[in-house]
């Protein structure tokens, strides 16, 4: 019994037990995990940007927060009001492009006619078609739910960012309570995860922006139509680390085939391969060096496994979660990398 008590009093054991407790809590509130993660990401970016404005322009922190949110929301609304009509017009053109591509390729047209005839006379395909329609309605509902989560997360992050200092003071009261050891472990784990998540998301946004600009230039050079639609697709998929550029090749390839046949598909494949090579072996190693230095193969495996475990969110937060656990286990400590970087800077 004394051995068990002594074992449980070890600091590392208490830290891992606290981590297990937090994982259990997250599992219980898993239906709200989207709002929690979005709020965390928005709040991290907002606090960092507001502190920069506060220090750079010597304006009060509260005014910096309000100004930041007003500018970002205004820019988003203006961009949406400008881009929405263009986007709708470009989407209308896509079905006509696909129909033209089918007509221009007799072999493809013949195979599609055969597939349609088989589908009409196959009860299994009809049944599967009904399931696809029902799934489509469910996904449409998820889009509305996702939009609600984004709006709620923006509001919560705004309130959190405004009251950041007061919330910090309130949180430190727990560190002086009777169970301060337990709350110190929670603070340590939560702070480490938020910093890793925030830094990786921040860097991935930078990588995504650079990739999108390069892809936009490349798509314009090969004269791809519906450029605005394609840029939005590239940016959205670009939020997925490393694999995002490759995933975007599917819709890009379909539109390329519909507009220019196999030649344009080959051009898109070459462009995507060049951008992926540039991201994987130049941008990612340099910009992510202080965040996560996972090999490309490990990154792909992480994305696949995490997407199966926690759904679409696994593509966004899978890398931060793995980096967090590697850091906790002392395998890939961000603290060690920061110390090494400071030593190198001093020697230089």
C-alpha atoms as a PDB file:
ATOM      1  CA  UNK A   1       0.000   0.000   0.000  1.00  0.00           C
ATOM      2  CA  UNK A   2       2.817   2.401   0.897  1.00  0.00           C
ATOM      3  CA  UNK A   3       4.417   1.674  -2.469  1.00  0.00           C
ATOM      4  CA  UNK A   4       1.162   2.558  -4.295  1.00  0.00           C
ATOM      5  CA  UNK A   5       0.781   5.813  -2.319  1.00  0.00           C
ATOM      6  CA  UNK A   6       4.410   6.708  -2.981  1.00  0.00           C
ATOM      7  CA  UNK A   7       3.925   5.899  -6.678  1.00  0.00           C
ATOM      8  CA  UNK A   8       0.805   8.089  -6.919  1.00  0.00           C
ATOM      9  CA  UNK A   9       2.622  10.999  -5.261  1.00  0.00           C
ATOM     10  CA  UNK A  10       5.253  11.105  -7.997  1.00  0.00           C
ATOM     11  CA  UNK A  11       4.977  14.317 -10.022  1.00  0.00           C
ATOM     12  CA  UNK A  12       5.138  12.576 -13.404  1.00  0.00           C
ATOM     13  CA  UNK A  13       2.406  10.110 -12.398  1.00  0.00           C
ATOM     14  CA  UNK A  14       0.172  12.950 -11.182  1.00  0.00           C
ATOM     15  CA  UNK A  15       0.784  14.796 -14.461  1.00  0.00           C
ATOM     16  CA  UNK A  16      -0.258  11.772 -16.546  1.00  0.00           C
ATOM     17  CA  UNK A  17      -3.310  11.157 -14.332  1.00  0.00           C
ATOM     18  CA  UNK A  18      -4.324  14.790 -14.839  1.00  0.00           C
ATOM     19  CA  UNK A  19      -3.873  14.330 -18.585  1.00  0.00           C
ATOM     20  CA  UNK A  20      -6.109  11.227 -18.484  1.00  0.00           C
ATOM     21  CA  UNK A  21      -8.712  13.239 -16.546  1.00  0.00           C
ATOM     22  CA  UNK A  22      -8.639  16.029 -19.151  1.00  0.00           C
ATOM     23  CA  UNK A  23      -9.009  13.505 -21.990  1.00  0.00           C
ATOM     24  CA  UNK A  24     -12.075  12.077 -20.209  1.00  0.00           C
ATOM     25  CA  UNK A  25     -13.574  15.568 -19.823  1.00  0.00           C
ATOM     26  CA  UNK A  26     -12.934  16.313 -23.512  1.00  0.00           C
ATOM     27  CA  UNK A  27     -14.632  13.023 -24.453  1.00  0.00           C
ATOM     28  CA  UNK A  28     -17.684  13.953 -22.357  1.00  0.00           C
ATOM     29  CA  UNK A  29     -17.996  17.382 -24.034  1.00  0.00           C
ATOM     30  CA  UNK A  30     -17.017  16.063 -27.491  1.00  0.00           C
ATOM     31  CA  UNK A  31     -20.187  17.488 -29.082  1.00  0.00           C
ATOM     32  CA  UNK A  32     -18.852  20.987 -28.304  1.00  0.00           C
ATOM     33  CA  UNK A  33     -15.264  20.277 -29.353  1.00  0.00           C
ATOM     34  CA  UNK A  34     -15.645  22.247 -32.592  1.00  0.00           C
ATOM     35  CA  UNK A  35     -16.691  25.413 -30.760  1.00  0.00           C
ATOM     36  CA  UNK A  36     -13.945  24.921 -28.144  1.00  0.00           C
ATOM     37  CA  UNK A  37     -11.188  24.501 -30.749  1.00  0.00           C
ATOM     38  CA  UNK A  38     -12.401  27.388 -32.910  1.00  0.00           C
ATOM     39  CA  UNK A  39     -12.666  29.652 -29.869  1.00  0.00           C
ATOM     40  CA  UNK A  40      -9.148  28.671 -28.782  1.00  0.00           C
ATOM     41  CA  UNK A  41      -7.681  29.333 -32.242  1.00  0.00           C
ATOM     42  CA  UNK A  42      -9.512  32.648 -32.743  1.00  0.00           C
ATOM     43  CA  UNK A  43      -8.667  33.839 -29.225  1.00  0.00           C
ATOM     44  CA  UNK A  44      -4.976  32.933 -29.613  1.00  0.00           C
ATOM     45  CA  UNK A  45      -4.673  34.812 -32.909  1.00  0.00           C
ATOM     46  CA  UNK A  46      -6.717  37.767 -31.599  1.00  0.00           C
ATOM     47  CA  UNK A  47      -4.698  38.124 -28.377  1.00  0.00           C
ATOM     48  CA  UNK A  48      -1.395  37.956 -30.243  1.00  0.00           C
ATOM     49  CA  UNK A  49      -2.539  40.502 -32.852  1.00  0.00           C
ATOM     50  CA  UNK A  50      -4.052  42.826 -30.221  1.00  0.00           C
ATOM     51  CA  UNK A  51      -0.875  42.767 -28.124  1.00  0.00           C
ATOM     52  CA  UNK A  52       1.137  43.609 -31.245  1.00  0.00           C
ATOM     53  CA  UNK A  53      -1.145  46.587 -32.003  1.00  0.00           C
ATOM     54  CA  UNK A  54      -0.971  47.665 -28.357  1.00  0.00           C
ATOM     55  CA  UNK A  55       2.847  47.664 -28.328  1.00  0.00           C
ATOM     56  CA  UNK A  56       3.392  48.921 -31.882  1.00  0.00           C
ATOM     57  CA  UNK A  57       0.929  51.830 -31.936  1.00  0.00           C
ATOM     58  CA  UNK A  58       0.734  52.558 -28.173  1.00  0.00           C
ATOM     59  CA  UNK A  59      -3.060  52.243 -28.065  1.00  0.00           C
ATOM     60  CA  UNK A  60      -5.038  50.754 -25.145  1.00  0.00           C
ATOM     61  CA  UNK A  61      -5.434  46.977 -25.297  1.00  0.00           C
ATOM     62  CA  UNK A  62      -9.266  47.081 -25.239  1.00  0.00           C
ATOM     63  CA  UNK A  63      -9.381  49.535 -28.157  1.00  0.00           C
ATOM     64  CA  UNK A  64      -6.913  47.329 -30.063  1.00  0.00           C
ATOM     65  CA  UNK A  65      -9.175  44.288 -29.558  1.00  0.00           C
ATOM     66  CA  UNK A  66     -12.346  46.101 -30.653  1.00  0.00           C
ATOM     67  CA  UNK A  67     -10.595  47.669 -33.662  1.00  0.00           C
ATOM     68  CA  UNK A  68      -9.136  44.301 -34.695  1.00  0.00           C
ATOM     69  CA  UNK A  69     -12.492  42.500 -34.644  1.00  0.00           C
ATOM     70  CA  UNK A  70     -14.260  45.379 -36.420  1.00  0.00           C
ATOM     71  CA  UNK A  71     -11.643  45.450 -39.197  1.00  0.00           C
ATOM     72  CA  UNK A  72     -11.558  41.652 -39.654  1.00  0.00           C
ATOM     73  CA  UNK A  73     -15.363  41.279 -39.681  1.00  0.00           C
ATOM     74  CA  UNK A  74     -15.766  44.282 -42.026  1.00  0.00           C
ATOM     75  CA  UNK A  75     -13.164  42.896 -44.437  1.00  0.00           C
ATOM     76  CA  UNK A  76     -14.859  39.484 -44.356  1.00  0.00           C
ATOM     77  CA  UNK A  77     -18.297  40.996 -45.090  1.00  0.00           C
ATOM     78  CA  UNK A  78     -16.908  43.179 -47.908  1.00  0.00           C
ATOM     79  CA  UNK A  79     -15.035  40.248 -49.432  1.00  0.00           C
ATOM     80  CA  UNK A  80     -18.124  38.033 -49.176  1.00  0.00           C
ATOM     81  CA  UNK A  81     -20.417  40.631 -50.761  1.00  0.00           C
ATOM     82  CA  UNK A  82     -17.921  41.129 -53.596  1.00  0.00           C
ATOM     83  CA  UNK A  83     -16.925  37.507 -54.116  1.00  0.00           C
ATOM     84  CA  UNK A  84     -20.332  35.823 -53.661  1.00  0.00           C
ATOM     85  CA  UNK A  85     -21.858  36.978 -57.009  1.00  0.00           C
ATOM     86  CA  UNK A  86     -18.639  36.100 -58.882  1.00  0.00           C
ATOM     87  CA  UNK A  87     -18.502  32.731 -57.148  1.00  0.00           C
ATOM     88  CA  UNK A  88     -22.122  31.916 -58.040  1.00  0.00           C
ATOM     89  CA  UNK A  89     -21.521  32.827 -61.693  1.00  0.00           C
ATOM     90  CA  UNK A  90     -18.387  30.677 -61.824  1.00  0.00           C
ATOM     91  CA  UNK A  91     -20.196  27.740 -60.210  1.00  0.00           C
ATOM     92  CA  UNK A  92     -22.957  27.978 -62.841  1.00  0.00           C
ATOM     93  CA  UNK A  93     -20.395  27.497 -65.609  1.00  0.00           C
ATOM     94  CA  UNK A  94     -18.955  24.248 -64.178  1.00  0.00           C
ATOM     95  CA  UNK A  95     -21.868  21.888 -65.197  1.00  0.00           C
ATOM     96  CA  UNK A  96     -21.754  23.227 -68.774  1.00  0.00           C
ATOM     97  CA  UNK A  97     -17.984  22.645 -68.882  1.00  0.00           C
ATOM     98  CA  UNK A  98     -18.398  19.056 -67.680  1.00  0.00           C
ATOM     99  CA  UNK A  99     -21.164  18.386 -70.250  1.00  0.00           C
ATOM    100  CA  UNK A 100     -18.972  19.778 -73.034  1.00  0.00           C
ATOM    101  CA  UNK A 101     -16.041  17.612 -71.901  1.00  0.00           C
ATOM    102  CA  UNK A 102     -18.234  14.485 -71.993  1.00  0.00           C
ATOM    103  CA  UNK A 103     -19.506  15.324 -75.491  1.00  0.00           C
ATOM    104  CA  UNK A 104     -15.980  16.029 -76.759  1.00  0.00           C
ATOM    105  CA  UNK A 105     -14.746  12.613 -75.571  1.00  0.00           C
ATOM    106  CA  UNK A 106     -16.835   9.860 -77.288  1.00  0.00           C
ATOM    107  CA  UNK A 107     -15.303   7.034 -75.232  1.00  0.00           C
ATOM    108  CA  UNK A 108     -16.168   8.804 -71.996  1.00  0.00           C
ATOM    109  CA  UNK A 109     -19.646   9.639 -73.308  1.00  0.00           C
ATOM    110  CA  UNK A 110     -20.274   5.983 -74.208  1.00  0.00           C
ATOM    111  CA  UNK A 111     -19.117   4.725 -70.806  1.00  0.00           C
ATOM    112  CA  UNK A 112     -21.270   7.272 -68.982  1.00  0.00           C
ATOM    113  CA  UNK A 113     -24.339   6.229 -71.019  1.00  0.00           C
ATOM    114  CA  UNK A 114     -23.621   2.611 -70.085  1.00  0.00           C
ATOM    115  CA  UNK A 115     -23.287   3.527 -66.401  1.00  0.00           C
ATOM    116  CA  UNK A 116     -26.552   5.491 -66.483  1.00  0.00           C
ATOM    117  CA  UNK A 117     -28.416   2.559 -68.078  1.00  0.00           C
ATOM    118  CA  UNK A 118     -27.004   0.157 -65.487  1.00  0.00           C
ATOM    119  CA  UNK A 119     -27.958   2.544 -62.706  1.00  0.00           C
ATOM    120  CA  UNK A 120     -31.545   2.821 -63.936  1.00  0.00           C
ATOM    121  CA  UNK A 121     -31.994  -0.975 -63.981  1.00  0.00           C
ATOM    122  CA  UNK A 122     -30.099  -1.683 -60.751  1.00  0.00           C
ATOM    123  CA  UNK A 123     -32.134  -1.635 -57.541  1.00  0.00           C
ATOM    124  CA  UNK A 124     -28.929  -1.648 -55.480  1.00  0.00           C
ATOM    125  CA  UNK A 125     -27.651   1.514 -57.157  1.00  0.00           C
ATOM    126  CA  UNK A 126     -31.067   3.173 -56.736  1.00  0.00           C
ATOM    127  CA  UNK A 127     -30.986   2.283 -53.040  1.00  0.00           C
ATOM    128  CA  UNK A 128     -27.447   3.633 -52.747  1.00  0.00           C
ATOM    129  CA  UNK A 129     -28.559   6.757 -54.594  1.00  0.00           C
ATOM    130  CA  UNK A 130     -31.230   7.354 -51.956  1.00  0.00           C
ATOM    131  CA  UNK A 131     -28.587   6.982 -49.266  1.00  0.00           C
ATOM    132  CA  UNK A 132     -26.386   9.492 -51.091  1.00  0.00           C
ATOM    133  CA  UNK A 133     -29.260  11.993 -51.229  1.00  0.00           C
ATOM    134  CA  UNK A 134     -29.993  11.530 -47.515  1.00  0.00           C
ATOM    135  CA  UNK A 135     -26.286  11.920 -46.746  1.00  0.00           C
ATOM    136  CA  UNK A 136     -26.267  15.098 -48.828  1.00  0.00           C
ATOM    137  CA  UNK A 137     -29.139  16.547 -46.777  1.00  0.00           C
ATOM    138  CA  UNK A 138     -27.312  15.639 -43.553  1.00  0.00           C
ATOM    139  CA  UNK A 139     -24.120  17.289 -44.807  1.00  0.00           C
ATOM    140  CA  UNK A 140     -26.097  20.406 -45.745  1.00  0.00           C
ATOM    141  CA  UNK A 141     -27.367  20.477 -42.164  1.00  0.00           C
ATOM    142  CA  UNK A 142     -23.773  20.126 -40.935  1.00  0.00           C
ATOM    143  CA  UNK A 143     -22.789  23.180 -43.001  1.00  0.00           C
ATOM    144  CA  UNK A 144     -25.446  25.248 -41.231  1.00  0.00           C
ATOM    145  CA  UNK A 145     -24.320  23.867 -37.878  1.00  0.00           C
ATOM    146  CA  UNK A 146     -20.699  24.628 -38.743  1.00  0.00           C
ATOM    147  CA  UNK A 147     -21.585  28.227 -39.609  1.00  0.00           C
ATOM    148  CA  UNK A 148     -23.356  28.577 -36.249  1.00  0.00           C
ATOM    149  CA  UNK A 149     -20.264  27.192 -34.490  1.00  0.00           C
ATOM    150  CA  UNK A 150     -18.030  29.713 -36.272  1.00  0.00           C
ATOM    151  CA  UNK A 151     -20.247  32.665 -35.295  1.00  0.00           C
ATOM    152  CA  UNK A 152     -20.460  31.449 -31.690  1.00  0.00           C
ATOM    153  CA  UNK A 153     -16.686  30.903 -31.558  1.00  0.00           C
ATOM    154  CA  UNK A 154     -16.033  34.431 -32.885  1.00  0.00           C
ATOM    155  CA  UNK A 155     -18.297  35.898 -30.191  1.00  0.00           C
ATOM    156  CA  UNK A 156     -16.748  33.803 -27.391  1.00  0.00           C
ATOM    157  CA  UNK A 157     -13.208  34.578 -28.556  1.00  0.00           C
ATOM    158  CA  UNK A 158     -14.069  38.295 -28.628  1.00  0.00           C
ATOM    159  CA  UNK A 159     -15.362  38.190 -25.041  1.00  0.00           C
ATOM    160  CA  UNK A 160     -12.361  36.108 -23.927  1.00  0.00           C
ATOM    161  CA  UNK A 161      -9.862  38.418 -25.642  1.00  0.00           C
ATOM    162  CA  UNK A 162     -11.467  41.503 -24.097  1.00  0.00           C
ATOM    163  CA  UNK A 163     -11.328  40.035 -20.583  1.00  0.00           C
ATOM    164  CA  UNK A 164      -8.023  38.173 -21.071  1.00  0.00           C
ATOM    165  CA  UNK A 165      -6.125  39.829 -18.197  1.00  0.00           C
ATOM    166  CA  UNK A 166      -9.012  39.470 -15.765  1.00  0.00           C
ATOM    167  CA  UNK A 167      -9.471  35.808 -16.695  1.00  0.00           C
ATOM    168  CA  UNK A 168      -5.748  35.205 -16.149  1.00  0.00           C
ATOM    169  CA  UNK A 169      -5.988  36.722 -12.666  1.00  0.00           C
ATOM    170  CA  UNK A 170      -9.070  34.587 -11.960  1.00  0.00           C
ATOM    171  CA  UNK A 171      -7.292  31.451 -13.196  1.00  0.00           C
ATOM    172  CA  UNK A 172      -4.255  32.090 -10.989  1.00  0.00           C
ATOM    173  CA  UNK A 173      -6.555  31.991  -7.950  1.00  0.00           C
ATOM    174  CA  UNK A 174      -6.877  28.239  -8.569  1.00  0.00           C
ATOM    175  CA  UNK A 175      -3.085  27.912  -8.385  1.00  0.00           C
ATOM    176  CA  UNK A 176      -3.227  29.224  -4.807  1.00  0.00           C
ATOM    177  CA  UNK A 177      -6.095  26.959  -3.729  1.00  0.00           C
ATOM    178  CA  UNK A 178      -6.027  23.806  -1.572  1.00  0.00           C
ATOM    179  CA  UNK A 179      -5.612  21.608  -4.665  1.00  0.00           C
ATOM    180  CA  UNK A 180      -2.970  23.780  -6.295  1.00  0.00           C
ATOM    181  CA  UNK A 181      -0.912  20.744  -7.433  1.00  0.00           C
ATOM    182  CA  UNK A 182      -3.834  19.455  -9.507  1.00  0.00           C
ATOM    183  CA  UNK A 183      -4.558  22.875 -11.036  1.00  0.00           C
ATOM    184  CA  UNK A 184      -0.853  23.480 -11.712  1.00  0.00           C
ATOM    185  CA  UNK A 185      -0.842  20.305 -13.824  1.00  0.00           C
ATOM    186  CA  UNK A 186      -3.979  21.447 -15.675  1.00  0.00           C
ATOM    187  CA  UNK A 187      -2.418  24.867 -16.285  1.00  0.00           C
ATOM    188  CA  UNK A 188       0.838  23.316 -17.504  1.00  0.00           C
ATOM    189  CA  UNK A 189      -0.892  20.905 -19.917  1.00  0.00           C
ATOM    190  CA  UNK A 190      -3.464  23.416 -21.205  1.00  0.00           C
ATOM    191  CA  UNK A 191      -0.874  26.155 -21.717  1.00  0.00           C
ATOM    192  CA  UNK A 192       1.488  23.801 -23.560  1.00  0.00           C
ATOM    193  CA  UNK A 193      -1.269  22.516 -25.870  1.00  0.00           C
ATOM    194  CA  UNK A 194      -2.639  25.997 -26.641  1.00  0.00           C
ATOM    195  CA  UNK A 195       0.848  27.322 -27.446  1.00  0.00           C
ATOM    196  CA  UNK A 196       1.619  24.350 -29.718  1.00  0.00           C
ATOM    197  CA  UNK A 197      -1.812  24.554 -31.397  1.00  0.00           C
ATOM    198  CA  UNK A 198      -1.623  28.327 -31.828  1.00  0.00           C
ATOM    199  CA  UNK A 199       1.899  28.355 -33.241  1.00  0.00           C
ATOM    200  CA  UNK A 200       1.169  25.526 -35.682  1.00  0.00           C
ATOM    201  CA  UNK A 201      -2.124  27.089 -36.858  1.00  0.00           C
ATOM    202  CA  UNK A 202      -0.431  30.478 -37.193  1.00  0.00           C
ATOM    203  CA  UNK A 203       2.401  29.015 -39.261  1.00  0.00           C
ATOM    204  CA  UNK A 204       0.033  26.860 -41.328  1.00  0.00           C
ATOM    205  CA  UNK A 205      -1.995  29.973 -42.213  1.00  0.00           C
ATOM    206  CA  UNK A 206       1.204  31.602 -43.465  1.00  0.00           C
ATOM    207  CA  UNK A 207       2.139  28.489 -45.481  1.00  0.00           C
ATOM    208  CA  UNK A 208      -1.430  28.253 -46.814  1.00  0.00           C
ATOM    209  CA  UNK A 209      -1.377  31.907 -47.916  1.00  0.00           C
ATOM    210  CA  UNK A 210       1.964  31.483 -49.723  1.00  0.00           C
ATOM    211  CA  UNK A 211       0.746  28.271 -51.420  1.00  0.00           C
ATOM    212  CA  UNK A 212      -2.516  29.934 -52.485  1.00  0.00           C
ATOM    213  CA  UNK A 213      -0.682  32.899 -54.041  1.00  0.00           C
ATOM    214  CA  UNK A 214       1.691  30.570 -55.915  1.00  0.00           C
ATOM    215  CA  UNK A 215      -1.198  28.346 -57.068  1.00  0.00           C
ATOM    216  CA  UNK A 216      -3.194  31.403 -58.207  1.00  0.00           C
ATOM    217  CA  UNK A 217      -0.224  32.594 -60.289  1.00  0.00           C
ATOM    218  CA  UNK A 218       0.266  29.098 -61.747  1.00  0.00           C
ATOM    219  CA  UNK A 219      -3.434  28.601 -62.550  1.00  0.00           C
ATOM    220  CA  UNK A 220      -3.551  32.027 -64.197  1.00  0.00           C
ATOM    221  CA  UNK A 221      -0.502  31.163 -66.328  1.00  0.00           C
ATOM    222  CA  UNK A 222      -2.124  27.958 -67.642  1.00  0.00           C
ATOM    223  CA  UNK A 223      -5.354  29.962 -68.202  1.00  0.00           C
ATOM    224  CA  UNK A 224      -7.652  27.967 -65.931  1.00  0.00           C
ATOM    225  CA  UNK A 225     -11.216  29.373 -65.826  1.00  0.00           C
ATOM    226  CA  UNK A 226     -13.165  30.173 -62.631  1.00  0.00           C
ATOM    227  CA  UNK A 227      -9.961  31.382 -60.967  1.00  0.00           C
ATOM    228  CA  UNK A 228     -11.676  32.798 -57.866  1.00  0.00           C
ATOM    229  CA  UNK A 229     -13.445  29.485 -57.190  1.00  0.00           C
ATOM    230  CA  UNK A 230     -10.199  27.545 -57.616  1.00  0.00           C
ATOM    231  CA  UNK A 231      -8.273  29.905 -55.320  1.00  0.00           C
ATOM    232  CA  UNK A 232     -10.908  29.459 -52.590  1.00  0.00           C
ATOM    233  CA  UNK A 233     -10.701  25.654 -52.997  1.00  0.00           C
ATOM    234  CA  UNK A 234      -6.890  25.757 -52.760  1.00  0.00           C
ATOM    235  CA  UNK A 235      -6.972  27.983 -49.662  1.00  0.00           C
ATOM    236  CA  UNK A 236      -9.525  25.815 -47.811  1.00  0.00           C
ATOM    237  CA  UNK A 237      -7.682  22.561 -48.530  1.00  0.00           C
ATOM    238  CA  UNK A 238      -4.385  24.322 -47.838  1.00  0.00           C
ATOM    239  CA  UNK A 239      -5.310  24.526 -44.153  1.00  0.00           C
ATOM    240  CA  UNK A 240      -4.536  20.794 -43.980  1.00  0.00           C
ATOM    241  CA  UNK A 241      -0.769  20.473 -43.360  1.00  0.00           C
ATOM    242  CA  UNK A 242       1.305  19.017 -46.260  1.00  0.00           C
ATOM    243  CA  UNK A 243      -1.564  16.893 -47.671  1.00  0.00           C
ATOM    244  CA  UNK A 244      -3.854  19.859 -48.403  1.00  0.00           C
ATOM    245  CA  UNK A 245      -2.229  20.711 -51.725  1.00  0.00           C
ATOM    246  CA  UNK A 246      -2.540  17.086 -52.870  1.00  0.00           C
ATOM    247  CA  UNK A 247      -6.199  16.849 -51.757  1.00  0.00           C
ATOM    248  CA  UNK A 248      -7.022  19.988 -53.759  1.00  0.00           C
ATOM    249  CA  UNK A 249      -5.789  18.178 -56.888  1.00  0.00           C
ATOM    250  CA  UNK A 250      -9.080  16.208 -57.084  1.00  0.00           C
ATOM    251  CA  UNK A 251     -11.450  19.168 -57.745  1.00  0.00           C
ATOM    252  CA  UNK A 252      -8.727  20.978 -59.715  1.00  0.00           C
ATOM    253  CA  UNK A 253      -8.190  17.897 -61.893  1.00  0.00           C
ATOM    254  CA  UNK A 254     -11.923  17.533 -62.614  1.00  0.00           C
ATOM    255  CA  UNK A 255     -12.279  21.181 -63.638  1.00  0.00           C
ATOM    256  CA  UNK A 256      -9.059  20.965 -65.680  1.00  0.00           C
ATOM    257  CA  UNK A 257     -10.366  17.911 -67.561  1.00  0.00           C
ATOM    258  CA  UNK A 258     -13.720  19.601 -68.173  1.00  0.00           C
ATOM    259  CA  UNK A 259     -12.067  22.712 -69.629  1.00  0.00           C
ATOM    260  CA  UNK A 260      -8.931  21.495 -71.377  1.00  0.00           C
ATOM    261  CA  UNK A 261      -8.846  17.712 -71.465  1.00  0.00           C
ATOM    262  CA  UNK A 262      -5.897  15.548 -70.488  1.00  0.00           C
ATOM    263  CA  UNK A 263      -3.315  18.176 -71.480  1.00  0.00           C
ATOM    264  CA  UNK A 264      -4.628  20.654 -68.924  1.00  0.00           C
ATOM    265  CA  UNK A 265      -4.922  17.888 -66.317  1.00  0.00           C
ATOM    266  CA  UNK A 266      -1.223  17.148 -66.856  1.00  0.00           C
ATOM    267  CA  UNK A 267      -0.430  20.857 -66.422  1.00  0.00           C
ATOM    268  CA  UNK A 268      -2.390  20.969 -63.154  1.00  0.00           C
ATOM    269  CA  UNK A 269      -0.700  17.793 -61.873  1.00  0.00           C
ATOM    270  CA  UNK A 270       2.752  19.252 -62.611  1.00  0.00           C
ATOM    271  CA  UNK A 271       1.794  22.551 -60.929  1.00  0.00           C
ATOM    272  CA  UNK A 272       0.432  20.799 -57.826  1.00  0.00           C
ATOM    273  CA  UNK A 273       3.510  18.542 -57.653  1.00  0.00           C
ATOM    274  CA  UNK A 274       5.825  21.576 -57.776  1.00  0.00           C
ATOM    275  CA  UNK A 275       3.860  23.423 -55.076  1.00  0.00           C
ATOM    276  CA  UNK A 276       3.739  20.284 -52.901  1.00  0.00           C
ATOM    277  CA  UNK A 277       7.505  19.792 -53.306  1.00  0.00           C
ATOM    278  CA  UNK A 278       8.100  23.458 -52.413  1.00  0.00           C
ATOM    279  CA  UNK A 279       5.881  23.206 -49.306  1.00  0.00           C
ATOM    280  CA  UNK A 280       7.152  19.824 -48.072  1.00  0.00           C
ATOM    281  CA  UNK A 281      10.873  20.377 -48.532  1.00  0.00           C
ATOM    282  CA  UNK A 282      11.281  24.155 -48.279  1.00  0.00           C
ATOM    283  CA  UNK A 283       8.415  25.983 -46.538  1.00  0.00           C
ATOM    284  CA  UNK A 284       7.403  23.326 -44.009  1.00  0.00           C
ATOM    285  CA  UNK A 285      10.897  22.469 -42.659  1.00  0.00           C
ATOM    286  CA  UNK A 286      11.833  26.142 -42.281  1.00  0.00           C
ATOM    287  CA  UNK A 287       8.614  27.653 -40.941  1.00  0.00           C
ATOM    288  CA  UNK A 288       7.669  24.649 -38.790  1.00  0.00           C
ATOM    289  CA  UNK A 289      11.179  24.041 -37.416  1.00  0.00           C
ATOM    290  CA  UNK A 290      10.323  25.459 -33.982  1.00  0.00           C
ATOM    291  CA  UNK A 291       6.774  24.044 -33.946  1.00  0.00           C
ATOM    292  CA  UNK A 292       6.894  20.472 -35.212  1.00  0.00           C
ATOM    293  CA  UNK A 293       9.601  18.735 -37.178  1.00  0.00           C
ATOM    294  CA  UNK A 294       7.716  15.557 -38.108  1.00  0.00           C
ATOM    295  CA  UNK A 295       8.834  13.647 -41.220  1.00  0.00           C
ATOM    296  CA  UNK A 296       6.463  13.885 -44.192  1.00  0.00           C
ATOM    297  CA  UNK A 297       5.495  10.182 -43.899  1.00  0.00           C
ATOM    298  CA  UNK A 298       4.645  10.572 -40.194  1.00  0.00           C
ATOM    299  CA  UNK A 299       2.603  13.679 -41.059  1.00  0.00           C
ATOM    300  CA  UNK A 300       0.507  11.724 -43.600  1.00  0.00           C
ATOM    301  CA  UNK A 301      -0.050   8.819 -41.178  1.00  0.00           C
ATOM    302  CA  UNK A 302      -1.042  11.287 -38.447  1.00  0.00           C
ATOM    303  CA  UNK A 303      -3.596  12.983 -40.708  1.00  0.00           C
ATOM    304  CA  UNK A 304      -5.120   9.645 -41.795  1.00  0.00           C
ATOM    305  CA  UNK A 305      -5.359   8.221 -38.257  1.00  0.00           C
ATOM    306  CA  UNK A 306      -6.612  11.449 -36.666  1.00  0.00           C
ATOM    307  CA  UNK A 307      -9.260  11.975 -39.353  1.00  0.00           C
ATOM    308  CA  UNK A 308     -10.603   8.493 -38.533  1.00  0.00           C
ATOM    309  CA  UNK A 309     -10.502   9.084 -34.768  1.00  0.00           C
ATOM    310  CA  UNK A 310     -11.941  12.602 -34.476  1.00  0.00           C
ATOM    311  CA  UNK A 311     -13.367  13.286 -37.941  1.00  0.00           C
ATOM    312  CA  UNK A 312     -12.621  16.321 -40.100  1.00  0.00           C
ATOM    313  CA  UNK A 313     -11.059  18.164 -37.160  1.00  0.00           C
ATOM    314  CA  UNK A 314      -8.286  15.575 -37.195  1.00  0.00           C
ATOM    315  CA  UNK A 315      -6.950  17.107 -40.416  1.00  0.00           C
ATOM    316  CA  UNK A 316      -6.524  20.473 -38.667  1.00  0.00           C
ATOM    317  CA  UNK A 317      -5.523  19.576 -35.096  1.00  0.00           C
ATOM    318  CA  UNK A 318      -4.006  16.124 -35.678  1.00  0.00           C
ATOM    319  CA  UNK A 319      -0.452  17.460 -36.012  1.00  0.00           C
ATOM    320  CA  UNK A 320      -0.713  19.704 -32.894  1.00  0.00           C
ATOM    321  CA  UNK A 321      -2.087  16.778 -30.850  1.00  0.00           C
ATOM    322  CA  UNK A 322       0.773  14.461 -31.869  1.00  0.00           C
ATOM    323  CA  UNK A 323       3.314  17.239 -31.251  1.00  0.00           C
ATOM    324  CA  UNK A 324       1.768  17.833 -27.815  1.00  0.00           C
ATOM    325  CA  UNK A 325       2.095  14.175 -26.778  1.00  0.00           C
ATOM    326  CA  UNK A 326       5.647  13.972 -28.136  1.00  0.00           C
ATOM    327  CA  UNK A 327       6.464  17.087 -26.124  1.00  0.00           C
ATOM    328  CA  UNK A 328       4.897  15.663 -22.937  1.00  0.00           C
ATOM    329  CA  UNK A 329       6.857  12.416 -23.353  1.00  0.00           C
ATOM    330  CA  UNK A 330      10.080  14.389 -23.844  1.00  0.00           C
ATOM    331  CA  UNK A 331      10.595  12.990 -27.354  1.00  0.00           C
ATOM    332  CA  UNK A 332      10.147  16.234 -29.228  1.00  0.00           C
ATOM    333  CA  UNK A 333      10.325  18.986 -26.640  1.00  0.00           C
ATOM    334  CA  UNK A 334       9.625  22.499 -27.891  1.00  0.00           C
ATOM    335  CA  UNK A 335      11.375  23.899 -24.805  1.00  0.00           C
ATOM    336  CA  UNK A 336      14.619  22.131 -25.793  1.00  0.00           C
ATOM    337  CA  UNK A 337      14.374  23.537 -29.331  1.00  0.00           C
ATOM    338  CA  UNK A 338      13.854  27.076 -27.997  1.00  0.00           C
ATOM    339  CA  UNK A 339      16.924  26.740 -25.727  1.00  0.00           C
ATOM    340  CA  UNK A 340      19.005  25.395 -28.634  1.00  0.00           C
ATOM    341  CA  UNK A 341      17.878  28.242 -30.882  1.00  0.00           C
ATOM    342  CA  UNK A 342      18.821  30.838 -28.251  1.00  0.00           C
ATOM    343  CA  UNK A 343      22.272  29.251 -27.844  1.00  0.00           C
ATOM    344  CA  UNK A 344      22.828  29.364 -31.607  1.00  0.00           C
ATOM    345  CA  UNK A 345      21.747  33.022 -31.711  1.00  0.00           C
ATOM    346  CA  UNK A 346      24.188  33.860 -28.877  1.00  0.00           C
ATOM    347  CA  UNK A 347      27.105  32.125 -30.594  1.00  0.00           C
ATOM    348  CA  UNK A 348      26.353  33.994 -33.813  1.00  0.00           C
END
